[in-house]
């Protein structure tokens, strides 16, 4: 009975955790009607290429996101503080 209900309800929505550029590829690939799916491998490759191009493009307009971190010496106006050593000092003697 659960199988019949799932077939009648159609494809479940794509989870929000899936990247936005990938969602149309999945939706089209999982379309109920064969006419709505990609008709050739080349068509699927074109959709995937478009999605990958969108994933590779910078999308953030928030300052600092997607940019290289500034050098600490430049930020403080002087020498950068040295990171604390994570190793124990060697015992001598």
Foldseek 3Di string as FASTA:
>chain_A
DVVVVDVVVADDQDDPVDDPLCRVLVCQCRPPDPVSHDPDVVSSVVSVVRSVVVVPDDDDPDPPPPDDDDDQCVVVVHDHDDDDDPDDDDDDD
